[in-house]
């Protein structure tokens, strides 16, 4: 009897610990909770030196003078896929505005998968690859999707951790434009 009571106590303890871990993971993945202010807001954006899918160089200097929305994502990320309609609508609204740029930074994904996804989804804004995750590390991303707003001087004015909506993107743009 003593032996089975010990096993029952250990089993109950293991279940409680397991449920605690699962709950902590769920809370950690909740975008409403994760939509906290990035430590980088108010700081100069990290230096970027990346390549777009078409091979052109995209660096910090090419982005200066514009309000820039930088979105970290990848093709297999479900929340990234869920925010795509908002990004498309945002890109369409500002396509002809030379003072606004949308840049997607992809990490942890193959170039082939990225190109296939971009083509299949009709993504027509600048997409760059971050093969060594340097940009993601420099921006201190916690995962993806994660979106940052940069003003014309390269200062980070806003951040959204987790999927964005069109309203979020407009708010980020407003912060980058000083509205």
N, C-alpha and C. Protein backbone atom coordinates (compact mmCIF):
# COMPACT_ATOMS: atom_id res chain seq x y z
N UNK A 1 0.82 -1.19 0.00
CA UNK A 1 0.00 0.00 0.00
C UNK A 1 0.86 1.26 0.00
N UNK A 2 1.94 1.23 0.82
CA UNK A 2 2.84 2.37 0.86
C UNK A 2 3.44 2.64 -0.52
N UNK A 3 3.82 1.56 -1.19
CA UNK A 3 4.45 1.66 -2.50
C UNK A 3 3.50 2.32 -3.51
N UNK A 4 2.25 1.91 -3.53
CA UNK A 4 1.32 2.47 -4.50
C UNK A 4 0.94 3.90 -4.16
N UNK A 5 0.88 4.27 -2.89
CA UNK A 5 0.60 5.66 -2.51
C UNK A 5 1.72 6.58 -2.98
N UNK A 6 2.95 6.11 -2.87
CA UNK A 6 4.10 6.90 -3.35
C UNK A 6 4.00 7.12 -4.86
N UNK A 7 3.66 6.08 -5.60
CA UNK A 7 3.54 6.21 -7.05
C UNK A 7 2.39 7.14 -7.43
N UNK A 8 1.33 7.06 -6.70
CA UNK A 8 0.20 7.96 -6.96
C UNK A 8 0.61 9.41 -6.72
N UNK A 9 1.30 9.64 -5.61
CA UNK A 9 1.76 11.00 -5.31
C UNK A 9 2.72 11.50 -6.37
N UNK A 10 3.66 10.66 -6.81
CA UNK A 10 4.60 11.04 -7.87
C UNK A 10 3.86 11.31 -9.18
N UNK A 11 2.89 10.48 -9.50
CA UNK A 11 2.14 10.65 -10.74
C UNK A 11 1.34 11.95 -10.72
N UNK A 12 0.68 12.22 -9.61
CA UNK A 12 -0.08 13.47 -9.48
C UNK A 12 0.86 14.66 -9.58
N UNK A 13 2.01 14.58 -8.93
CA UNK A 13 3.00 15.66 -9.01
C UNK A 13 3.47 15.89 -10.43
N UNK A 14 3.73 14.80 -11.16
CA UNK A 14 4.19 14.92 -12.55
C UNK A 14 3.11 15.56 -13.42
N UNK A 15 1.86 15.18 -13.20
CA UNK A 15 0.76 15.76 -13.98
C UNK A 15 0.64 17.25 -13.68
N UNK A 16 0.74 17.63 -12.42
CA UNK A 16 0.65 19.05 -12.05
C UNK A 16 1.78 19.85 -12.69
N UNK A 17 3.00 19.32 -12.62
CA UNK A 17 4.14 19.99 -13.25
C UNK A 17 3.93 20.10 -14.76
N UNK A 18 3.47 19.01 -15.38
CA UNK A 18 3.22 19.03 -16.82
C UNK A 18 2.17 20.05 -17.21
N UNK A 19 1.08 20.11 -16.46
CA UNK A 19 0.05 21.11 -16.74
C UNK A 19 0.58 22.53 -16.56
N UNK A 20 1.41 22.71 -15.55
CA UNK A 20 2.02 24.03 -15.34
C UNK A 20 2.88 24.45 -16.52
N UNK A 21 3.64 23.50 -17.06
CA UNK A 21 4.49 23.80 -18.22
C UNK A 21 3.63 24.14 -19.43
N UNK A 22 2.60 23.34 -19.67
CA UNK A 22 1.71 23.60 -20.81
C UNK A 22 1.05 24.97 -20.67
N UNK A 23 0.55 25.29 -19.49
CA UNK A 23 -0.08 26.58 -19.26
C UNK A 23 0.90 27.72 -19.49
N UNK A 24 2.11 27.57 -18.98
CA UNK A 24 3.13 28.61 -19.16
C UNK A 24 3.44 28.80 -20.64
N UNK A 25 3.50 27.71 -21.40
CA UNK A 25 3.78 27.81 -22.84
C UNK A 25 2.63 28.51 -23.55
N UNK A 26 1.39 28.22 -23.17
CA UNK A 26 0.24 28.86 -23.81
C UNK A 26 0.22 30.35 -23.52
N UNK A 27 0.47 30.72 -22.28
CA UNK A 27 0.51 32.13 -21.92
C UNK A 27 1.64 32.82 -22.66
N UNK A 28 2.79 32.15 -22.81
CA UNK A 28 3.93 32.73 -23.50
C UNK A 28 3.69 32.92 -24.98
N UNK A 29 2.74 32.16 -25.54
CA UNK A 29 2.46 32.27 -26.97
C UNK A 29 1.24 33.13 -27.27
N UNK A 30 0.60 33.66 -26.27
CA UNK A 30 -0.59 34.48 -26.47
C UNK A 30 -0.18 35.86 -26.96
N UNK A 31 -0.51 36.23 -28.21
CA UNK A 31 -0.08 37.52 -28.75
C UNK A 31 -0.60 38.71 -27.96
N UNK A 32 -1.75 38.56 -27.29
CA UNK A 32 -2.27 39.68 -26.50
C UNK A 32 -1.35 39.97 -25.32
N UNK A 33 -0.75 38.91 -24.78
CA UNK A 33 0.17 39.09 -23.66
C UNK A 33 1.54 39.51 -24.18
N UNK A 34 1.93 38.96 -25.32
CA UNK A 34 3.26 39.25 -25.87
C UNK A 34 3.35 40.60 -26.55
N UNK A 35 2.26 41.29 -26.71
CA UNK A 35 2.28 42.57 -27.42
C UNK A 35 2.83 43.67 -26.51
N UNK A 36 3.91 43.34 -25.86
CA UNK A 36 4.54 44.31 -24.98
C UNK A 36 5.52 45.16 -25.76
N UNK A 37 5.92 46.24 -25.15
CA UNK A 37 6.83 47.16 -25.81
C UNK A 37 8.23 46.55 -25.89
N UNK A 38 8.80 46.57 -27.06
CA UNK A 38 10.17 46.09 -27.24
C UNK A 38 11.13 47.01 -26.52
N UNK A 39 12.19 46.44 -26.00
CA UNK A 39 13.23 47.22 -25.34
C UNK A 39 13.91 48.18 -26.31
N UNK A 40 13.76 47.93 -27.61
CA UNK A 40 14.45 48.75 -28.61
C UNK A 40 13.69 50.01 -29.01
N UNK A 41 12.42 50.13 -28.60
CA UNK A 41 11.66 51.32 -28.97
C UNK A 41 12.36 52.54 -28.38
N UNK A 42 12.58 53.53 -29.26
CA UNK A 42 13.29 54.74 -28.87
C UNK A 42 14.78 54.69 -29.17
N UNK A 43 15.24 53.53 -29.63
CA UNK A 43 16.66 53.35 -29.95
C UNK A 43 16.86 53.36 -31.48
N UNK A 44 18.08 53.66 -31.93
CA UNK A 44 18.35 53.53 -33.37
C UNK A 44 18.21 52.07 -33.79
N UNK A 45 17.67 51.86 -34.98
CA UNK A 45 17.54 50.50 -35.49
C UNK A 45 18.92 49.89 -35.70
N UNK A 46 19.05 48.59 -35.45
CA UNK A 46 20.32 47.93 -35.74
C UNK A 46 20.67 48.05 -37.22
N UNK A 47 21.96 48.02 -37.50
CA UNK A 47 22.42 48.06 -38.89
C UNK A 47 21.92 46.83 -39.63
N UNK A 48 21.39 47.04 -40.81
CA UNK A 48 20.95 45.94 -41.67
C UNK A 48 21.84 45.88 -42.89
N UNK A 49 22.16 44.69 -43.30
CA UNK A 49 22.88 44.48 -44.55
C UNK A 49 22.46 43.11 -45.06
N UNK A 50 21.36 43.12 -45.83
CA UNK A 50 20.75 41.87 -46.27
C UNK A 50 20.52 41.89 -47.78
N UNK A 51 20.13 40.75 -48.32
CA UNK A 51 19.83 40.64 -49.75
C UNK A 51 18.36 40.34 -49.96
N UNK A 52 17.78 41.07 -50.89
CA UNK A 52 16.39 40.80 -51.28
C UNK A 52 16.37 39.53 -52.14
N UNK A 53 15.20 38.98 -52.32
CA UNK A 53 15.07 37.77 -53.12
C UNK A 53 15.55 37.96 -54.54
N UNK A 54 15.47 39.19 -55.05
CA UNK A 54 15.95 39.46 -56.41
C UNK A 54 17.45 39.74 -56.45
N UNK A 55 18.12 39.66 -55.29
CA UNK A 55 19.57 39.84 -55.24
C UNK A 55 20.03 41.24 -54.89
N UNK A 56 19.12 42.21 -54.86
CA UNK A 56 19.54 43.58 -54.55
C UNK A 56 19.87 43.71 -53.06
N UNK A 57 20.80 44.61 -52.78
CA UNK A 57 21.20 44.85 -51.40
C UNK A 57 20.17 45.74 -50.71
N UNK A 58 19.85 45.39 -49.49
CA UNK A 58 18.98 46.22 -48.66
C UNK A 58 19.74 46.45 -47.36
N UNK A 59 20.03 47.71 -47.11
CA UNK A 59 20.74 48.03 -45.87
C UNK A 59 20.10 49.24 -45.22
N UNK A 60 20.61 49.59 -44.09
CA UNK A 60 20.04 50.69 -43.32
C UNK A 60 19.99 51.97 -44.14
N UNK A 61 21.03 52.25 -44.91
CA UNK A 61 21.07 53.49 -45.70
C UNK A 61 19.99 53.56 -46.76
N UNK A 62 19.62 52.41 -47.35
CA UNK A 62 18.57 52.42 -48.38
C UNK A 62 17.20 52.71 -47.78
N UNK A 63 17.06 52.56 -46.46
CA UNK A 63 15.77 52.76 -45.81
C UNK A 63 15.62 54.14 -45.17
N UNK A 64 16.73 54.84 -45.01
CA UNK A 64 16.66 56.17 -44.39
C UNK A 64 15.83 57.12 -45.24
N UNK A 65 15.13 58.02 -44.60
CA UNK A 65 14.30 58.99 -45.31
C UNK A 65 12.87 58.52 -45.50
N UNK A 66 12.56 57.30 -45.03
CA UNK A 66 11.20 56.75 -45.17
C UNK A 66 10.72 56.25 -43.81
N UNK A 67 9.42 56.19 -43.67
CA UNK A 67 8.83 55.46 -42.54
C UNK A 67 8.82 54.00 -42.98
N UNK A 68 9.42 53.14 -42.18
CA UNK A 68 9.60 51.74 -42.59
C UNK A 68 8.92 50.81 -41.59
N UNK A 69 8.18 49.86 -42.13
CA UNK A 69 7.61 48.78 -41.33
C UNK A 69 8.44 47.54 -41.66
N UNK A 70 9.07 46.97 -40.64
CA UNK A 70 9.91 45.78 -40.79
C UNK A 70 9.17 44.62 -40.13
N UNK A 71 8.89 43.58 -40.92
CA UNK A 71 8.13 42.43 -40.43
C UNK A 71 8.99 41.18 -40.51
N UNK A 72 9.27 40.56 -39.37
CA UNK A 72 10.00 39.29 -39.33
C UNK A 72 8.99 38.15 -39.43
N UNK A 73 9.24 37.21 -40.35
CA UNK A 73 8.30 36.12 -40.60
C UNK A 73 9.02 34.94 -41.24
N UNK A 74 8.29 33.86 -41.47
CA UNK A 74 8.75 32.77 -42.34
C UNK A 74 7.55 32.03 -42.91
N UNK A 75 7.81 31.22 -43.91
CA UNK A 75 6.71 30.62 -44.67
C UNK A 75 5.95 29.54 -43.92
N UNK A 76 6.55 28.92 -42.93
CA UNK A 76 5.88 27.83 -42.22
C UNK A 76 5.21 28.28 -40.92
N UNK A 77 5.29 29.56 -40.61
CA UNK A 77 4.75 30.11 -39.36
C UNK A 77 3.25 30.39 -39.55
N UNK A 78 2.41 29.70 -38.79
CA UNK A 78 0.96 29.87 -38.93
C UNK A 78 0.51 31.29 -38.57
N UNK A 79 0.95 31.88 -37.46
CA UNK A 79 0.56 33.27 -37.19
C UNK A 79 1.03 34.24 -38.28
N UNK A 80 2.18 33.93 -38.90
CA UNK A 80 2.67 34.77 -40.01
C UNK A 80 1.70 34.68 -41.19
N UNK A 81 1.23 33.49 -41.46
CA UNK A 81 0.27 33.31 -42.54
C UNK A 81 -1.05 34.02 -42.23
N UNK A 82 -1.43 33.99 -40.96
CA UNK A 82 -2.68 34.62 -40.55
C UNK A 82 -2.64 36.14 -40.70
N UNK A 83 -1.47 36.75 -40.53
CA UNK A 83 -1.38 38.21 -40.63
C UNK A 83 -1.17 38.68 -42.08
N UNK A 84 -0.97 37.76 -43.00
CA UNK A 84 -0.68 38.12 -44.39
C UNK A 84 -1.75 39.01 -45.03
N UNK A 85 -3.05 38.76 -44.85
CA UNK A 85 -4.03 39.66 -45.47
C UNK A 85 -3.87 41.12 -45.01
N UNK A 86 -3.56 41.33 -43.75
CA UNK A 86 -3.36 42.70 -43.26
C UNK A 86 -2.13 43.32 -43.90
N UNK A 87 -1.06 42.55 -44.03
CA UNK A 87 0.16 43.06 -44.67
C UNK A 87 -0.10 43.40 -46.13
N UNK A 88 -0.87 42.54 -46.81
CA UNK A 88 -1.20 42.81 -48.22
C UNK A 88 -2.00 44.10 -48.36
N UNK A 89 -2.99 44.26 -47.51
CA UNK A 89 -3.81 45.48 -47.60
C UNK A 89 -2.97 46.71 -47.29
N UNK A 90 -2.11 46.62 -46.29
CA UNK A 90 -1.22 47.73 -45.95
C UNK A 90 -0.31 48.06 -47.13
N UNK A 91 0.28 47.03 -47.74
CA UNK A 91 1.17 47.24 -48.88
C UNK A 91 0.42 47.90 -50.04
N UNK A 92 -0.80 47.47 -50.28
CA UNK A 92 -1.60 48.08 -51.35
C UNK A 92 -1.91 49.54 -51.08
N UNK A 93 -2.21 49.87 -49.83
CA UNK A 93 -2.52 51.26 -49.48
C UNK A 93 -1.34 52.20 -49.70
N UNK A 94 -0.14 51.71 -49.45
CA UNK A 94 1.04 52.58 -49.47
C UNK A 94 2.00 52.29 -50.63
N UNK A 95 1.53 51.50 -51.57
CA UNK A 95 2.37 51.12 -52.72
C UNK A 95 2.96 52.33 -53.45
N UNK A 96 2.18 53.37 -53.62
CA UNK A 96 2.64 54.54 -54.39
C UNK A 96 3.17 55.67 -53.52
N UNK A 97 3.33 55.42 -52.24
CA UNK A 97 3.84 56.45 -51.32
C UNK A 97 5.34 56.28 -51.16
N UNK A 98 6.15 57.18 -51.74
CA UNK A 98 7.60 57.03 -51.66
C UNK A 98 8.16 57.22 -50.25
N UNK A 99 7.33 57.73 -49.34
CA UNK A 99 7.78 57.96 -47.97
C UNK A 99 7.51 56.79 -47.04
N UNK A 100 6.98 55.68 -47.59
CA UNK A 100 6.66 54.51 -46.78
C UNK A 100 7.25 53.26 -47.43
N UNK A 101 7.86 52.40 -46.61
CA UNK A 101 8.40 51.14 -47.11
C UNK A 101 7.97 50.01 -46.18
N UNK A 102 7.69 48.86 -46.78
CA UNK A 102 7.39 47.64 -46.04
C UNK A 102 8.47 46.64 -46.42
N UNK A 103 9.15 46.10 -45.41
CA UNK A 103 10.23 45.14 -45.64
C UNK A 103 9.95 43.89 -44.82
N UNK A 104 9.91 42.75 -45.48
CA UNK A 104 9.78 41.47 -44.79
C UNK A 104 11.15 40.84 -44.64
N UNK A 105 11.48 40.43 -43.43
CA UNK A 105 12.75 39.75 -43.17
C UNK A 105 12.44 38.31 -42.78
N UNK A 106 12.98 37.38 -43.56
CA UNK A 106 12.71 35.96 -43.35
C UNK A 106 13.95 35.28 -42.79
N UNK A 107 13.74 34.55 -41.71
CA UNK A 107 14.82 33.75 -41.14
C UNK A 107 14.31 32.33 -40.96
N UNK A 108 15.23 31.42 -40.75
CA UNK A 108 14.87 30.02 -40.51
C UNK A 108 14.00 29.43 -41.61
N UNK A 109 14.35 29.72 -42.85
CA UNK A 109 13.56 29.23 -43.98
C UNK A 109 14.48 29.10 -45.19
N UNK A 110 14.17 28.18 -46.07
CA UNK A 110 14.99 28.03 -47.28
C UNK A 110 14.58 29.06 -48.32
N UNK A 111 15.54 29.50 -49.11
CA UNK A 111 15.25 30.48 -50.16
C UNK A 111 14.20 29.92 -51.12
N UNK A 112 14.29 28.64 -51.42
CA UNK A 112 13.32 28.02 -52.33
C UNK A 112 11.90 28.10 -51.75
N UNK A 113 11.77 27.78 -50.47
CA UNK A 113 10.44 27.84 -49.84
C UNK A 113 9.92 29.27 -49.79
N UNK A 114 10.82 30.21 -49.51
CA UNK A 114 10.41 31.62 -49.45
C UNK A 114 9.92 32.07 -50.81
N UNK A 115 10.70 31.79 -51.85
CA UNK A 115 10.31 32.22 -53.20
C UNK A 115 8.99 31.60 -53.62
N UNK A 116 8.79 30.32 -53.32
CA UNK A 116 7.54 29.65 -53.68
C UNK A 116 6.36 30.29 -52.94
N UNK A 117 6.54 30.57 -51.68
CA UNK A 117 5.47 31.18 -50.88
C UNK A 117 5.15 32.59 -51.37
N UNK A 118 6.18 33.38 -51.62
CA UNK A 118 6.00 34.75 -52.11
C UNK A 118 5.23 34.74 -53.43
N UNK A 119 5.60 33.83 -54.32
CA UNK A 119 4.93 33.74 -55.61
C UNK A 119 3.48 33.28 -55.45
N UNK A 120 3.27 32.24 -54.66
CA UNK A 120 1.92 31.70 -54.47
C UNK A 120 0.98 32.71 -53.82
N UNK A 121 1.50 33.51 -52.92
CA UNK A 121 0.66 34.47 -52.18
C UNK A 121 0.61 35.85 -52.83
N UNK A 122 1.39 36.07 -53.88
CA UNK A 122 1.37 37.36 -54.55
C UNK A 122 1.97 38.49 -53.71
N UNK A 123 2.97 38.16 -52.92
CA UNK A 123 3.63 39.17 -52.09
C UNK A 123 4.51 40.02 -53.00
N UNK A 124 4.30 41.34 -52.96
CA UNK A 124 5.04 42.20 -53.89
C UNK A 124 5.81 43.31 -53.20
N UNK A 125 6.03 43.20 -51.91
CA UNK A 125 6.90 44.16 -51.23
C UNK A 125 8.27 43.53 -51.05
N UNK A 126 9.21 44.30 -50.57
CA UNK A 126 10.60 43.84 -50.46
C UNK A 126 10.69 42.73 -49.41
N UNK A 127 11.23 41.60 -49.84
CA UNK A 127 11.47 40.47 -48.94
C UNK A 127 12.97 40.19 -48.95
N UNK A 128 13.56 40.18 -47.77
CA UNK A 128 14.99 39.89 -47.64
C UNK A 128 15.16 38.65 -46.78
N UNK A 129 16.29 37.98 -46.98
CA UNK A 129 16.58 36.79 -46.18
C UNK A 129 17.61 37.13 -45.11
N UNK A 130 17.48 36.47 -44.01
CA UNK A 130 18.38 36.64 -42.86
C UNK A 130 18.95 35.26 -42.53
N UNK A 131 19.84 34.76 -43.41
CA UNK A 131 20.27 33.36 -43.30
C UNK A 131 20.99 33.01 -42.00
N UNK A 132 21.69 33.94 -41.41
CA UNK A 132 22.37 33.63 -40.15
C UNK A 132 21.64 34.21 -38.94
N UNK A 133 20.43 34.71 -39.16
CA UNK A 133 19.58 35.29 -38.11
C UNK A 133 20.20 36.50 -37.42
N UNK A 134 21.16 37.14 -38.06
CA UNK A 134 21.82 38.30 -37.45
C UNK A 134 20.84 39.45 -37.21
N UNK A 135 20.00 39.74 -38.22
CA UNK A 135 19.04 40.83 -38.05
C UNK A 135 18.04 40.49 -36.94
N UNK A 136 17.57 39.26 -36.92
CA UNK A 136 16.62 38.85 -35.88
C UNK A 136 17.25 38.98 -34.50
N UNK A 137 18.50 38.59 -34.38
CA UNK A 137 19.19 38.73 -33.09
C UNK A 137 19.40 40.20 -32.73
N UNK A 138 19.81 41.00 -33.71
CA UNK A 138 20.06 42.42 -33.45
C UNK A 138 18.78 43.16 -33.05
N UNK A 139 17.64 42.74 -33.62
CA UNK A 139 16.37 43.35 -33.26
C UNK A 139 15.77 42.69 -32.00
N UNK A 140 16.49 41.73 -31.45
CA UNK A 140 16.07 41.03 -30.22
C UNK A 140 14.67 40.43 -30.37
N UNK A 141 14.41 39.83 -31.53
CA UNK A 141 13.10 39.22 -31.73
C UNK A 141 12.96 38.01 -30.83
N UNK A 142 11.73 37.76 -30.44
CA UNK A 142 11.43 36.61 -29.58
C UNK A 142 10.89 35.45 -30.40
N UNK A 143 10.61 35.71 -31.64
CA UNK A 143 10.01 34.70 -32.51
C UNK A 143 9.49 35.40 -33.73
N UNK A 144 8.49 34.82 -34.33
CA UNK A 144 7.86 35.47 -35.45
C UNK A 144 6.38 35.12 -35.44
N UNK A 145 5.57 35.98 -35.96
CA UNK A 145 5.92 37.27 -36.54
C UNK A 145 6.23 38.31 -35.46
N UNK A 146 7.01 39.26 -35.86
CA UNK A 146 7.32 40.40 -35.02
C UNK A 146 7.55 41.58 -35.96
N UNK A 147 6.99 42.73 -35.62
CA UNK A 147 6.99 43.87 -36.53
C UNK A 147 7.49 45.12 -35.82
N UNK A 148 8.32 45.89 -36.53
CA UNK A 148 8.91 47.11 -35.99
C UNK A 148 8.61 48.28 -36.92
N UNK A 149 8.48 49.47 -36.33
CA UNK A 149 8.34 50.70 -37.11
C UNK A 149 9.61 51.52 -36.93
N UNK A 150 10.14 52.01 -38.05
CA UNK A 150 11.33 52.87 -38.03
C UNK A 150 10.95 54.20 -38.65
N UNK A 151 11.40 55.28 -38.02
CA UNK A 151 11.13 56.59 -38.61
C UNK A 151 12.17 56.90 -39.69
N UNK A 152 12.04 58.05 -40.31
CA UNK A 152 12.92 58.42 -41.43
C UNK A 152 14.38 58.53 -41.03
N UNK A 153 14.65 58.67 -39.74
CA UNK A 153 16.03 58.75 -39.26
C UNK A 153 16.57 57.41 -38.78
N UNK A 154 15.77 56.36 -38.92
CA UNK A 154 16.22 55.03 -38.51
C UNK A 154 16.00 54.72 -37.04
N UNK A 155 15.17 55.49 -36.38
CA UNK A 155 14.85 55.27 -34.97
C UNK A 155 13.66 54.32 -34.87
N UNK A 156 13.74 53.33 -33.98
CA UNK A 156 12.62 52.42 -33.78
C UNK A 156 11.56 53.15 -32.95
N UNK A 157 10.38 53.30 -33.54
CA UNK A 157 9.31 54.06 -32.88
C UNK A 157 8.18 53.19 -32.36
N UNK A 158 8.16 51.93 -32.76
CA UNK A 158 7.10 51.04 -32.30
C UNK A 158 7.43 49.60 -32.61
N UNK A 159 6.76 48.69 -31.91
CA UNK A 159 6.98 47.26 -32.14
C UNK A 159 5.71 46.50 -31.81
N UNK A 160 5.49 45.42 -32.52
CA UNK A 160 4.37 44.52 -32.27
C UNK A 160 4.92 43.12 -32.21
N UNK A 161 4.79 42.49 -31.07
CA UNK A 161 5.22 41.10 -30.92
C UNK A 161 4.01 40.23 -31.15
N UNK A 162 4.10 39.33 -32.12
CA UNK A 162 2.97 38.50 -32.50
C UNK A 162 2.32 39.04 -33.77
N UNK A 163 1.25 38.40 -34.21
CA UNK A 163 0.61 38.79 -35.46
C UNK A 163 0.04 40.21 -35.41
N UNK A 164 0.08 40.89 -36.54
CA UNK A 164 -0.45 42.24 -36.64
C UNK A 164 -1.78 42.24 -37.40
N UNK A 165 -2.55 43.26 -37.13
CA UNK A 165 -3.76 43.54 -37.90
C UNK A 165 -3.47 44.80 -38.72
N UNK A 166 -4.38 45.13 -39.61
CA UNK A 166 -4.23 46.37 -40.37
C UNK A 166 -4.19 47.56 -39.42
N UNK A 167 -5.02 47.52 -38.41
CA UNK A 167 -5.03 48.61 -37.42
C UNK A 167 -3.67 48.74 -36.73
N UNK A 168 -3.07 47.59 -36.37
CA UNK A 168 -1.73 47.61 -35.75
C UNK A 168 -0.71 48.24 -36.70
N UNK A 169 -0.77 47.85 -37.97
CA UNK A 169 0.19 48.37 -38.95
C UNK A 169 0.02 49.88 -39.13
N UNK A 170 -1.23 50.33 -39.17
CA UNK A 170 -1.49 51.77 -39.29
C UNK A 170 -0.96 52.51 -38.05
N UNK A 171 -1.14 51.92 -36.89
CA UNK A 171 -0.64 52.54 -35.66
C UNK A 171 0.89 52.60 -35.66
N UNK A 172 1.52 51.51 -36.10
CA UNK A 172 2.99 51.50 -36.20
C UNK A 172 3.47 52.55 -37.19
N UNK A 173 2.79 52.65 -38.33
CA UNK A 173 3.16 53.66 -39.32
C UNK A 173 2.99 55.06 -38.72
N UNK A 174 1.91 55.27 -38.01
CA UNK A 174 1.69 56.56 -37.36
C UNK A 174 2.82 56.91 -36.41
N UNK A 175 3.31 55.92 -35.67
CA UNK A 175 4.42 56.19 -34.75
C UNK A 175 5.69 56.54 -35.53
N UNK A 176 5.88 55.90 -36.68
CA UNK A 176 7.06 56.18 -37.50
C UNK A 176 6.98 57.55 -38.17
N UNK A 177 5.76 58.00 -38.42
CA UNK A 177 5.56 59.30 -39.06
C UNK A 177 5.34 60.42 -38.04
N UNK A 178 5.42 60.10 -36.77
CA UNK A 178 5.26 61.11 -35.74
C UNK A 178 3.83 61.55 -35.51
N UNK A 179 2.87 60.70 -35.91
CA UNK A 179 1.45 61.04 -35.70
C UNK A 179 0.97 60.49 -34.37
